[in-house]
Amino acid sequence: MYSDRIEILSVTLLDEQRRLVDALKQIARSLKLEFGWHYLLDLTWITKELGSMKGKRLMDAGAGVGVMQWYLASQGAEVTSVDRLSRASLPLRFRARYPVQGLRPDDLLLPRQVFMSQVSRQTEAPQPAASKSRAVFEMVEWMLSILIRQTTDQGRVLIYNQDLSNLIDIKENTFDAIVSVSALEHNSPEDLPDVVSELLRVLKPGGVLLATLAVARMQDWYHEPSAGWCYSEASLRRAFHLSSDAPSNYEHYDELFAALRDCAELRDNLASFYFRSGENGMPWGKWDPQYQPVGVIKVKSDEWLADSDS
């Protein structure tokens, strides 16, 4: 059974859940994806807490093209992947491994449209022949996957390009669970409660919202390089409708932060994109954590239903 909770994430989770960590890394490699600097920790915590996923109807809120949705689908879940940025041109390498559809016709281009767009765009690439070869390879890989997939027991991913604060195409009480990996912090402390309320609207009664965000020691503050907010415990309780009885480990903030700063697995495996820009969570690839991830568990209870109706 789930219960409301706030938990600053401990890096010890990476060793405690090594098999799960390795599985997440394998999926990322197969899809040519890299992790945000603390995302491996976030993903591990969410999937551990979520438990069995087979046959469940889930949402990945603020999904982008990240690992979470693909892992959930590999475990047999139907995943509605929501992001305000369009993924209509989702590369074929994702579709070759997982059944993918658009929630609406405009949410996902047809594979042949993506292929033609890739070929046209890559004509001007530094190595056009190699780029076109990759496009052809992905198209062939996708075509072969259609035959192979008929014998698999995977779930599927539904792409929905929409702002999380206005899920107009989704009915209330739809999802068994909603997950969100380091996405909700791009909402101000004033706007976050409305986003959470919309997520709870589409969650089934008794369903669980599992979200990771960035944590602040005492007061909310804005981390400009990553364009994300770090939230105090009070702000998280208010935004997620958590009572004062919901447990928290904020009293261990300093020791957890010290362990995070000293985590070799995260420090020594920074994604390449960090070294190309100062506008990210680890500007120019210098290991210098300014915040730490926090996990929030919110169960859609009868009390929340009564409050939302009043």
C-alpha atoms as a PDB file:
ATOM      1  CA  MET A   1       0.000   0.000   0.000  1.00  0.00           C
ATOM      2  CA  TYR A   2       1.178   3.502  -0.826  1.00  0.00           C
ATOM      3  CA  SER A   3       1.142   6.356   1.668  1.00  0.00           C
ATOM      4  CA  ASP A   4       1.920  10.048   1.343  1.00  0.00           C
ATOM      5  CA  ARG A   5       5.602  10.816   1.885  1.00  0.00           C
ATOM      6  CA  ILE A   6       8.447  13.221   1.125  1.00  0.00           C
ATOM      7  CA  GLU A   7      11.868  11.625   0.728  1.00  0.00           C
ATOM      8  CA  ILE A   8      15.123  13.330  -0.181  1.00  0.00           C
ATOM      9  CA  LEU A   9      16.787  10.661  -2.292  1.00  0.00           C
ATOM     10  CA  SER A  10      19.789   8.820  -0.907  1.00  0.00           C
ATOM     11  CA  VAL A  11      22.592   7.715  -3.239  1.00  0.00           C
ATOM     12  CA  THR A  12      22.758   4.426  -1.311  1.00  0.00           C
ATOM     13  CA  LEU A  13      19.755   3.445  -3.432  1.00  0.00           C
ATOM     14  CA  LEU A  14      22.065   2.938  -6.427  1.00  0.00           C
ATOM     15  CA  ASP A  15      23.866   0.044  -4.722  1.00  0.00           C
ATOM     16  CA  GLU A  16      20.773  -1.321  -3.017  1.00  0.00           C
ATOM     17  CA  GLN A  17      18.949  -1.554  -6.373  1.00  0.00           C
ATOM     18  CA  ARG A  18      21.907  -2.505  -8.589  1.00  0.00           C
ATOM     19  CA  ARG A  19      19.950  -4.869 -10.834  1.00  0.00           C
ATOM     20  CA  LEU A  20      17.364  -2.174 -11.535  1.00  0.00           C
ATOM     21  CA  VAL A  21      20.095   0.434 -12.101  1.00  0.00           C
ATOM     22  CA  ASP A  22      21.785  -1.836 -14.646  1.00  0.00           C
ATOM     23  CA  ALA A  23      18.476  -2.435 -16.449  1.00  0.00           C
ATOM     24  CA  LEU A  24      17.853   1.311 -16.735  1.00  0.00           C
ATOM     25  CA  LYS A  25      21.376   1.862 -18.039  1.00  0.00           C
ATOM     26  CA  GLN A  26      20.892  -0.879 -20.637  1.00  0.00           C
ATOM     27  CA  ILE A  27      17.698   0.681 -21.969  1.00  0.00           C
ATOM     28  CA  ALA A  28      19.409   4.078 -22.187  1.00  0.00           C
ATOM     29  CA  ARG A  29      22.315   2.605 -24.162  1.00  0.00           C
ATOM     30  CA  SER A  30      20.009   0.774 -26.571  1.00  0.00           C
ATOM     31  CA  LEU A  31      18.145   4.012 -27.316  1.00  0.00           C
ATOM     32  CA  LYS A  32      21.257   6.210 -27.453  1.00  0.00           C
ATOM     33  CA  LEU A  33      20.083   8.264 -24.477  1.00  0.00           C
ATOM     34  CA  GLU A  34      22.073   9.876 -21.680  1.00  0.00           C
ATOM     35  CA  PHE A  35      20.920  10.568 -18.140  1.00  0.00           C
ATOM     36  CA  GLY A  36      20.548  13.928 -16.470  1.00  0.00           C
ATOM     37  CA  TRP A  37      23.119  14.167 -13.692  1.00  0.00           C
ATOM     38  CA  HIS A  38      20.825  12.788 -10.962  1.00  0.00           C
ATOM     39  CA  TYR A  39      18.191  11.091 -13.154  1.00  0.00           C
ATOM     40  CA  LEU A  40      19.520   7.584 -12.579  1.00  0.00           C
ATOM     41  CA  LEU A  41      18.769   8.087  -8.889  1.00  0.00           C
ATOM     42  CA  ASP A  42      15.315   9.523  -9.656  1.00  0.00           C
ATOM     43  CA  LEU A  43      14.403   6.708 -12.025  1.00  0.00           C
ATOM     44  CA  THR A  44      15.551   4.045  -9.593  1.00  0.00           C
ATOM     45  CA  TRP A  45      13.522   5.503  -6.733  1.00  0.00           C
ATOM     46  CA  ILE A  46      10.345   5.854  -8.803  1.00  0.00           C
ATOM     47  CA  THR A  47      10.459   2.375 -10.319  1.00  0.00           C
ATOM     48  CA  LYS A  48      11.270   0.793  -6.947  1.00  0.00           C
ATOM     49  CA  GLU A  49       8.337   2.550  -5.308  1.00  0.00           C
ATOM     50  CA  LEU A  50       5.964   1.874  -8.200  1.00  0.00           C
ATOM     51  CA  GLY A  51       6.345  -1.897  -8.042  1.00  0.00           C
ATOM     52  CA  SER A  52       4.523  -4.117 -10.538  1.00  0.00           C
ATOM     53  CA  MET A  53       3.587  -2.306 -13.755  1.00  0.00           C
ATOM     54  CA  LYS A  54       2.271  -5.045 -16.029  1.00  0.00           C
ATOM     55  CA  GLY A  55      -1.177  -4.289 -17.384  1.00  0.00           C
ATOM     56  CA  LYS A  56      -1.408  -0.919 -15.636  1.00  0.00           C
ATOM     57  CA  ARG A  57      -2.407   2.350 -17.234  1.00  0.00           C
ATOM     58  CA  LEU A  58       0.251   4.925 -16.371  1.00  0.00           C
ATOM     59  CA  MET A  59       1.215   8.489 -17.222  1.00  0.00           C
ATOM     60  CA  ASP A  60       4.766   9.782 -17.562  1.00  0.00           C
ATOM     61  CA  ALA A  61       4.311  13.503 -16.873  1.00  0.00           C
ATOM     62  CA  GLY A  62       6.920  15.706 -18.521  1.00  0.00           C
ATOM     63  CA  ALA A  63       8.372  12.676 -20.284  1.00  0.00           C
ATOM     64  CA  GLY A  64      10.272  14.186 -23.207  1.00  0.00           C
ATOM     65  CA  VAL A  65      11.921  11.191 -24.872  1.00  0.00           C
ATOM     66  CA  GLY A  66      13.433  10.016 -21.572  1.00  0.00           C
ATOM     67  CA  VAL A  67      14.051   6.505 -20.316  1.00  0.00           C
ATOM     68  CA  MET A  68      11.110   6.282 -17.879  1.00  0.00           C
ATOM     69  CA  GLN A  69       8.342   5.740 -20.452  1.00  0.00           C
ATOM     70  CA  TRP A  70      10.323   3.084 -22.334  1.00  0.00           C
ATOM     71  CA  TYR A  71      11.150   1.181 -19.168  1.00  0.00           C
ATOM     72  CA  LEU A  72       7.506   1.200 -18.106  1.00  0.00           C
ATOM     73  CA  ALA A  73       6.433  -0.074 -21.537  1.00  0.00           C
ATOM     74  CA  SER A  74       9.076  -2.819 -21.367  1.00  0.00           C
ATOM     75  CA  GLN A  75       7.400  -3.962 -18.141  1.00  0.00           C
ATOM     76  CA  GLY A  76       4.015  -4.312 -19.846  1.00  0.00           C
ATOM     77  CA  ALA A  77       2.374  -0.979 -18.964  1.00  0.00           C
ATOM     78  CA  GLU A  78       0.329   1.287 -21.220  1.00  0.00           C
ATOM     79  CA  VAL A  79       2.055   4.645 -20.844  1.00  0.00           C
ATOM     80  CA  THR A  80       0.619   8.001 -21.831  1.00  0.00           C
ATOM     81  CA  SER A  81       3.705  10.142 -22.419  1.00  0.00           C
ATOM     82  CA  VAL A  82       2.914  13.819 -21.836  1.00  0.00           C
ATOM     83  CA  ASP A  83       5.149  16.794 -22.543  1.00  0.00           C
ATOM     84  CA  ARG A  84       4.454  20.369 -23.590  1.00  0.00           C
ATOM     85  CA  LEU A  85       7.171  20.096 -26.255  1.00  0.00           C
ATOM     86  CA  SER A  86       6.215  18.181 -29.383  1.00  0.00           C
ATOM     87  CA  ARG A  87       7.565  14.678 -30.014  1.00  0.00           C
ATOM     88  CA  ALA A  88       5.656  14.328 -33.289  1.00  0.00           C
ATOM     89  CA  SER A  89       8.913  13.552 -35.101  1.00  0.00           C
ATOM     90  CA  LEU A  90       9.931  10.868 -32.611  1.00  0.00           C
ATOM     91  CA  PRO A  91      12.930   9.033 -34.130  1.00  0.00           C
ATOM     92  CA  LEU A  92      12.264   5.574 -35.504  1.00  0.00           C
ATOM     93  CA  ARG A  93      14.782   3.915 -33.178  1.00  0.00           C
ATOM     94  CA  PHE A  94      12.252   4.357 -30.357  1.00  0.00           C
ATOM     95  CA  ARG A  95       9.380   2.987 -32.414  1.00  0.00           C
ATOM     96  CA  ALA A  96      11.489  -0.003 -33.472  1.00  0.00           C
ATOM     97  CA  ARG A  97      11.732  -1.159 -29.868  1.00  0.00           C
ATOM     98  CA  TYR A  98       8.357  -0.175 -28.451  1.00  0.00           C
ATOM     99  CA  PRO A  99       4.798   0.100 -29.783  1.00  0.00           C
ATOM    100  CA  VAL A 100       4.189   3.851 -30.082  1.00  0.00           C
ATOM    101  CA  GLN A 101       1.050   5.741 -31.114  1.00  0.00           C
ATOM    102  CA  GLY A 102      -0.199   9.301 -30.910  1.00  0.00           C
ATOM    103  CA  LEU A 103      -3.060  10.045 -28.553  1.00  0.00           C
ATOM    104  CA  ARG A 104      -4.358  12.445 -31.230  1.00  0.00           C
ATOM    105  CA  PRO A 105      -3.573  12.340 -34.977  1.00  0.00           C
ATOM    106  CA  ASP A 106      -1.224  15.339 -34.755  1.00  0.00           C
ATOM    107  CA  ASP A 107       0.727  13.999 -31.777  1.00  0.00           C
ATOM    108  CA  LEU A 108       2.861  11.627 -33.855  1.00  0.00           C
ATOM    109  CA  LEU A 109       3.929  11.722 -37.492  1.00  0.00           C
ATOM    110  CA  LEU A 110       3.827   8.550 -39.567  1.00  0.00           C
ATOM    111  CA  PRO A 111       7.124   6.636 -39.812  1.00  0.00           C
ATOM    112  CA  ARG A 112       7.506   7.419 -43.519  1.00  0.00           C
ATOM    113  CA  GLN A 113       7.075  11.130 -42.763  1.00  0.00           C
ATOM    114  CA  VAL A 114       9.832  10.962 -40.150  1.00  0.00           C
ATOM    115  CA  PHE A 115      12.084   9.050 -42.542  1.00  0.00           C
ATOM    116  CA  MET A 116      11.615  11.564 -45.387  1.00  0.00           C
ATOM    117  CA  SER A 117      12.212  14.450 -42.988  1.00  0.00           C
ATOM    118  CA  GLN A 118      15.436  12.835 -41.748  1.00  0.00           C
ATOM    119  CA  VAL A 119      16.739  12.230 -45.267  1.00  0.00           C
ATOM    120  CA  SER A 120      15.926  15.779 -46.339  1.00  0.00           C
ATOM    121  CA  ARG A 121      17.535  17.306 -43.253  1.00  0.00           C
ATOM    122  CA  GLN A 122      20.629  15.120 -43.382  1.00  0.00           C
ATOM    123  CA  THR A 123      21.435  16.073 -46.970  1.00  0.00           C
ATOM    124  CA  GLU A 124      23.019  19.202 -45.494  1.00  0.00           C
ATOM    125  CA  ALA A 125      24.806  17.344 -42.675  1.00  0.00           C
ATOM    126  CA  PRO A 126      28.643  17.319 -42.500  1.00  0.00           C
ATOM    127  CA  GLN A 127      28.617  13.649 -43.572  1.00  0.00           C
ATOM    128  CA  PRO A 128      25.391  13.278 -45.592  1.00  0.00           C
ATOM    129  CA  ALA A 129      26.087   9.712 -46.773  1.00  0.00           C
ATOM    130  CA  ALA A 130      26.616   8.430 -43.237  1.00  0.00           C
ATOM    131  CA  SER A 131      23.579  10.346 -41.977  1.00  0.00           C
ATOM    132  CA  LYS A 132      21.351   8.916 -44.686  1.00  0.00           C
ATOM    133  CA  SER A 133      22.650   5.424 -43.954  1.00  0.00           C
ATOM    134  CA  ARG A 134      21.616   5.820 -40.320  1.00  0.00           C
ATOM    135  CA  ALA A 135      18.157   6.972 -41.398  1.00  0.00           C
ATOM    136  CA  VAL A 136      17.786   3.971 -43.708  1.00  0.00           C
ATOM    137  CA  PHE A 137      19.013   1.629 -40.970  1.00  0.00           C
ATOM    138  CA  GLU A 138      16.436   2.975 -38.505  1.00  0.00           C
ATOM    139  CA  MET A 139      13.663   2.628 -41.093  1.00  0.00           C
ATOM    140  CA  VAL A 140      14.588  -0.983 -41.831  1.00  0.00           C
ATOM    141  CA  GLU A 141      14.907  -1.688 -38.096  1.00  0.00           C
ATOM    142  CA  TRP A 142      11.410  -0.299 -37.534  1.00  0.00           C
ATOM    143  CA  MET A 143       9.925  -2.377 -40.391  1.00  0.00           C
ATOM    144  CA  LEU A 144      11.462  -5.583 -39.029  1.00  0.00           C
ATOM    145  CA  SER A 145      10.237  -4.777 -35.532  1.00  0.00           C
ATOM    146  CA  ILE A 146       6.629  -4.906 -36.699  1.00  0.00           C
ATOM    147  CA  LEU A 147       6.992  -8.637 -37.329  1.00  0.00           C
ATOM    148  CA  ILE A 148       8.980  -9.393 -34.179  1.00  0.00           C
ATOM    149  CA  ARG A 149       6.730  -7.373 -31.894  1.00  0.00           C
ATOM    150  CA  GLN A 150       3.736  -9.602 -32.607  1.00  0.00           C
ATOM    151  CA  THR A 151       5.246 -12.259 -30.360  1.00  0.00           C
ATOM    152  CA  THR A 152       6.253  -9.983 -27.479  1.00  0.00           C
ATOM    153  CA  ASP A 153       4.391  -9.073 -24.321  1.00  0.00           C
ATOM    154  CA  GLN A 154       5.289  -5.385 -24.186  1.00  0.00           C
ATOM    155  CA  GLY A 155       3.083  -2.509 -23.257  1.00  0.00           C
ATOM    156  CA  ARG A 156       2.831   0.592 -25.413  1.00  0.00           C
ATOM    157  CA  VAL A 157       3.490   4.329 -25.352  1.00  0.00           C
ATOM    158  CA  LEU A 158       0.906   6.955 -26.319  1.00  0.00           C
ATOM    159  CA  ILE A 159       2.453  10.306 -27.225  1.00  0.00           C
ATOM    160  CA  TYR A 160       0.453  13.327 -26.035  1.00  0.00           C
ATOM    161  CA  ASN A 161       1.950  16.769 -26.704  1.00  0.00           C
ATOM    162  CA  GLN A 162       0.201  18.932 -24.134  1.00  0.00           C
ATOM    163  CA  ASP A 163       0.854  21.176 -21.140  1.00  0.00           C
ATOM    164  CA  LEU A 164       0.459  19.322 -17.843  1.00  0.00           C
ATOM    165  CA  SER A 165      -1.737  22.059 -16.430  1.00  0.00           C
ATOM    166  CA  ASN A 166      -4.453  21.435 -19.033  1.00  0.00           C
ATOM    167  CA  LEU A 167      -4.901  17.752 -19.925  1.00  0.00           C
ATOM    168  CA  ILE A 168      -8.037  18.490 -21.932  1.00  0.00           C
ATOM    169  CA  ASP A 169      -8.132  15.164 -23.791  1.00  0.00           C
ATOM    170  CA  ILE A 170      -7.928  12.956 -20.693  1.00  0.00           C
ATOM    171  CA  LYS A 171     -10.924  12.124 -18.531  1.00  0.00           C
ATOM    172  CA  GLU A 172     -10.789  12.177 -14.764  1.00  0.00           C
ATOM    173  CA  ASN A 173      -9.966   8.933 -12.907  1.00  0.00           C
ATOM    174  CA  THR A 174      -8.043   7.469 -15.855  1.00  0.00           C
ATOM    175  CA  PHE A 175      -4.637   6.341 -14.571  1.00  0.00           C
ATOM    176  CA  ASP A 176      -3.551   3.741 -12.038  1.00  0.00           C
ATOM    177  CA  ALA A 177      -0.408   5.764 -11.349  1.00  0.00           C
ATOM    178  CA  ILE A 178       1.394   8.873 -12.587  1.00  0.00           C
ATOM    179  CA  VAL A 179       5.158   9.302 -12.556  1.00  0.00           C
ATOM    180  CA  SER A 180       7.212  12.416 -13.194  1.00  0.00           C
ATOM    181  CA  VAL A 181      11.006  12.535 -13.402  1.00  0.00           C
ATOM    182  CA  SER A 182      12.477  15.945 -12.543  1.00  0.00           C
ATOM    183  CA  ALA A 183       9.918  17.799 -14.668  1.00  0.00           C
ATOM    184  CA  LEU A 184       7.501  19.522 -12.290  1.00  0.00           C
ATOM    185  CA  GLU A 185      10.202  21.855 -10.939  1.00  0.00           C
ATOM    186  CA  HIS A 186       9.878  23.917 -14.097  1.00  0.00           C
ATOM    187  CA  ASN A 187       6.748  25.348 -12.491  1.00  0.00           C
ATOM    188  CA  SER A 188       6.942  28.193 -10.007  1.00  0.00           C
ATOM    189  CA  PRO A 189       5.855  27.532  -6.398  1.00  0.00           C
ATOM    190  CA  GLU A 190       2.692  29.499  -7.215  1.00  0.00           C
ATOM    191  CA  ASP A 191       1.868  27.426 -10.317  1.00  0.00           C
ATOM    192  CA  LEU A 192       2.882  23.977  -9.064  1.00  0.00           C
ATOM    193  CA  PRO A 193      -0.316  23.353  -7.027  1.00  0.00           C
ATOM    194  CA  ASP A 194      -2.481  23.788 -10.152  1.00  0.00           C
ATOM    195  CA  VAL A 195      -0.349  21.302 -12.097  1.00  0.00           C
ATOM    196  CA  VAL A 196      -0.513  18.763  -9.272  1.00  0.00           C
ATOM    197  CA  SER A 197      -4.279  19.197  -9.016  1.00  0.00           C
ATOM    198  CA  GLU A 198      -4.667  18.499 -12.721  1.00  0.00           C
ATOM    199  CA  LEU A 199      -2.556  15.354 -12.395  1.00  0.00           C
ATOM    200  CA  LEU A 200      -4.658  14.205  -9.452  1.00  0.00           C
ATOM    201  CA  ARG A 201      -7.824  14.856 -11.458  1.00  0.00           C
ATOM    202  CA  VAL A 202      -6.858  12.231 -14.044  1.00  0.00           C
ATOM    203  CA  LEU A 203      -5.559   9.773 -11.423  1.00  0.00           C
ATOM    204  CA  LYS A 204      -7.897   7.040 -10.237  1.00  0.00           C
ATOM    205  CA  PRO A 205      -9.059   7.123  -6.598  1.00  0.00           C
ATOM    206  CA  GLY A 206      -6.460   5.223  -4.613  1.00  0.00           C
ATOM    207  CA  GLY A 207      -3.925   5.765  -7.389  1.00  0.00           C
ATOM    208  CA  VAL A 208      -0.474   7.163  -6.682  1.00  0.00           C
ATOM    209  CA  LEU A 209       1.496  10.141  -8.002  1.00  0.00           C
ATOM    210  CA  LEU A 210       5.258   9.568  -7.800  1.00  0.00           C
ATOM    211  CA  ALA A 211       7.294  12.655  -8.644  1.00  0.00           C
ATOM    212  CA  THR A 212      10.900  13.721  -8.255  1.00  0.00           C
ATOM    213  CA  LEU A 213      11.751  17.388  -7.985  1.00  0.00           C
ATOM    214  CA  ALA A 214      14.557  19.592  -6.641  1.00  0.00           C
ATOM    215  CA  VAL A 215      14.748  20.363  -2.954  1.00  0.00           C
ATOM    216  CA  ALA A 216      15.520  23.577  -1.043  1.00  0.00           C
ATOM    217  CA  ARG A 217      16.806  23.649   2.545  1.00  0.00           C
ATOM    218  CA  MET A 218      14.539  26.372   3.900  1.00  0.00           C
ATOM    219  CA  GLN A 219      13.158  28.706   1.215  1.00  0.00           C
ATOM    220  CA  ASP A 220      12.165  28.162  -2.407  1.00  0.00           C
ATOM    221  CA  TRP A 221      14.795  29.329  -4.861  1.00  0.00           C
ATOM    222  CA  TYR A 222      15.310  29.320  -8.623  1.00  0.00           C
ATOM    223  CA  HIS A 223      18.301  27.561 -10.220  1.00  0.00           C
ATOM    224  CA  GLU A 224      18.784  29.685 -13.312  1.00  0.00           C
ATOM    225  CA  PRO A 225      21.126  27.403 -15.329  1.00  0.00           C
ATOM    226  CA  SER A 226      18.589  24.554 -15.313  1.00  0.00           C
ATOM    227  CA  ALA A 227      15.527  26.853 -15.330  1.00  0.00           C
ATOM    228  CA  GLY A 228      14.135  24.923 -12.379  1.00  0.00           C
ATOM    229  CA  TRP A 229      12.806  25.652  -8.912  1.00  0.00           C
ATOM    230  CA  CYS A 230      14.065  24.109  -5.693  1.00  0.00           C
ATOM    231  CA  TYR A 231      11.196  23.698  -3.222  1.00  0.00           C
ATOM    232  CA  SER A 232      11.063  23.822   0.550  1.00  0.00           C
ATOM    233  CA  GLU A 233       9.261  21.153   2.519  1.00  0.00           C
ATOM    234  CA  ALA A 234       6.414  23.576   3.206  1.00  0.00           C
ATOM    235  CA  SER A 235       5.934  24.277  -0.502  1.00  0.00           C
ATOM    236  CA  LEU A 236       5.897  20.582  -1.371  1.00  0.00           C
ATOM    237  CA  ARG A 237       3.327  19.836   1.329  1.00  0.00           C
ATOM    238  CA  ARG A 238       1.115  22.648   0.056  1.00  0.00           C
ATOM    239  CA  ALA A 239       1.452  21.770  -3.646  1.00  0.00           C
ATOM    240  CA  PHE A 240       0.869  18.026  -3.191  1.00  0.00           C
ATOM    241  CA  HIS A 241      -1.880  18.335  -0.569  1.00  0.00           C
ATOM    242  CA  LEU A 242       0.194  16.542   2.058  1.00  0.00           C
ATOM    243  CA  SER A 243      -0.835  16.693   5.684  1.00  0.00           C
ATOM    244  CA  SER A 244       1.541  17.511   8.507  1.00  0.00           C
ATOM    245  CA  ASP A 245       1.454  13.798   9.407  1.00  0.00           C
ATOM    246  CA  ALA A 246       2.992  12.702   6.101  1.00  0.00           C
ATOM    247  CA  PRO A 247       6.580  11.644   6.933  1.00  0.00           C
ATOM    248  CA  SER A 248       9.622  13.475   5.618  1.00  0.00           C
ATOM    249  CA  ASN A 249      13.383  13.042   5.970  1.00  0.00           C
ATOM    250  CA  TYR A 250      14.256  16.748   5.665  1.00  0.00           C
ATOM    251  CA  GLU A 251      16.050  16.492   8.995  1.00  0.00           C
ATOM    252  CA  HIS A 252      18.769  14.553   7.119  1.00  0.00           C
ATOM    253  CA  TYR A 253      19.115  17.209   4.401  1.00  0.00           C
ATOM    254  CA  ASP A 254      22.775  18.059   5.069  1.00  0.00           C
ATOM    255  CA  GLU A 255      24.119  14.520   5.361  1.00  0.00           C
ATOM    256  CA  LEU A 256      22.214  13.386   2.261  1.00  0.00           C
ATOM    257  CA  PHE A 257      23.556  16.372   0.319  1.00  0.00           C
ATOM    258  CA  ALA A 258      27.133  15.581   1.423  1.00  0.00           C
ATOM    259  CA  ALA A 259      26.763  11.978   0.227  1.00  0.00           C
ATOM    260  CA  LEU A 260      25.353  13.173  -3.101  1.00  0.00           C
ATOM    261  CA  ARG A 261      28.289  15.502  -3.674  1.00  0.00           C
ATOM    262  CA  ASP A 262      30.646  12.598  -2.966  1.00  0.00           C
ATOM    263  CA  CYS A 263      28.870  10.057  -5.208  1.00  0.00           C
ATOM    264  CA  ALA A 264      31.454   8.755  -7.696  1.00  0.00           C
ATOM    265  CA  GLU A 265      28.900   6.934  -9.854  1.00  0.00           C
ATOM    266  CA  LEU A 266      27.035  10.160 -10.644  1.00  0.00           C
ATOM    267  CA  ARG A 267      30.136  12.382 -10.675  1.00  0.00           C
ATOM    268  CA  ASP A 268      32.169  10.237 -13.064  1.00  0.00           C
ATOM    269  CA  ASN A 269      29.381   9.562 -15.556  1.00  0.00           C
ATOM    270  CA  LEU A 270      28.114  13.001 -16.501  1.00  0.00           C
ATOM    271  CA  ALA A 271      26.342  13.050 -19.863  1.00  0.00           C
ATOM    272  CA  SER A 272      28.239  14.631 -22.757  1.00  0.00           C
ATOM    273  CA  PHE A 273      25.647  17.364 -23.240  1.00  0.00           C
ATOM    274  CA  TYR A 274      26.625  18.977 -19.935  1.00  0.00           C
ATOM    275  CA  PHE A 275      30.053  19.844 -21.304  1.00  0.00           C
ATOM    276  CA  ARG A 276      28.599  21.799 -24.237  1.00  0.00           C
ATOM    277  CA  SER A 277      26.535  24.368 -22.348  1.00  0.00           C
ATOM    278  CA  GLY A 278      26.192  26.401 -19.188  1.00  0.00           C
ATOM    279  CA  GLU A 279      22.410  26.257 -19.336  1.00  0.00           C
ATOM    280  CA  ASN A 280      21.797  22.994 -17.527  1.00  0.00           C
ATOM    281  CA  GLY A 281      21.882  21.399 -14.093  1.00  0.00           C
ATOM    282  CA  MET A 282      25.657  20.940 -14.189  1.00  0.00           C
ATOM    283  CA  PRO A 283      26.978  23.968 -16.168  1.00  0.00           C
ATOM    284  CA  TRP A 284      29.885  23.152 -18.491  1.00  0.00           C
ATOM    285  CA  GLY A 285      30.253  19.690 -17.020  1.00  0.00           C
ATOM    286  CA  LYS A 286      31.782  20.811 -13.717  1.00  0.00           C
ATOM    287  CA  TRP A 287      30.670  18.505 -10.910  1.00  0.00           C
ATOM    288  CA  ASP A 288      29.234  20.943  -8.408  1.00  0.00           C
ATOM    289  CA  PRO A 289      25.715  19.964  -7.248  1.00  0.00           C
ATOM    290  CA  GLN A 290      23.726  23.004  -6.144  1.00  0.00           C
ATOM    291  CA  TYR A 291      20.594  21.078  -5.213  1.00  0.00           C
ATOM    292  CA  GLN A 292      19.489  17.504  -4.587  1.00  0.00           C
ATOM    293  CA  PRO A 293      16.533  15.435  -5.800  1.00  0.00           C
ATOM    294  CA  VAL A 294      13.513  14.773  -3.628  1.00  0.00           C
ATOM    295  CA  GLY A 295      10.757  12.230  -4.158  1.00  0.00           C
ATOM    296  CA  VAL A 296       7.105  12.886  -3.347  1.00  0.00           C
ATOM    297  CA  ILE A 297       4.424  10.219  -3.013  1.00  0.00           C
ATOM    298  CA  LYS A 298       0.821  11.405  -3.133  1.00  0.00           C
ATOM    299  CA  VAL A 299      -2.136   9.022  -3.005  1.00  0.00           C
ATOM    300  CA  LYS A 300      -5.455  10.246  -4.383  1.00  0.00           C
ATOM    301  CA  SER A 301      -7.600   9.864  -1.288  1.00  0.00           C
ATOM    302  CA  ASP A 302     -11.255  10.341  -0.446  1.00  0.00           C
ATOM    303  CA  GLU A 303     -10.247  13.496   1.413  1.00  0.00           C
ATOM    304  CA  TRP A 304      -8.720  14.986  -1.741  1.00  0.00           C
ATOM    305  CA  LEU A 305     -11.836  14.092  -3.734  1.00  0.00           C
ATOM    306  CA  ALA A 306     -14.020  15.848  -1.167  1.00  0.00           C
ATOM    307  CA  ASP A 307     -11.792  18.937  -1.147  1.00  0.00           C
ATOM    308  CA  SER A 308     -11.767  19.166  -4.954  1.00  0.00           C
ATOM    309  CA  ASP A 309     -15.546  18.957  -5.108  1.00  0.00           C
ATOM    310  CA  SER A 310     -16.088  21.687  -2.533  1.00  0.00           C
END
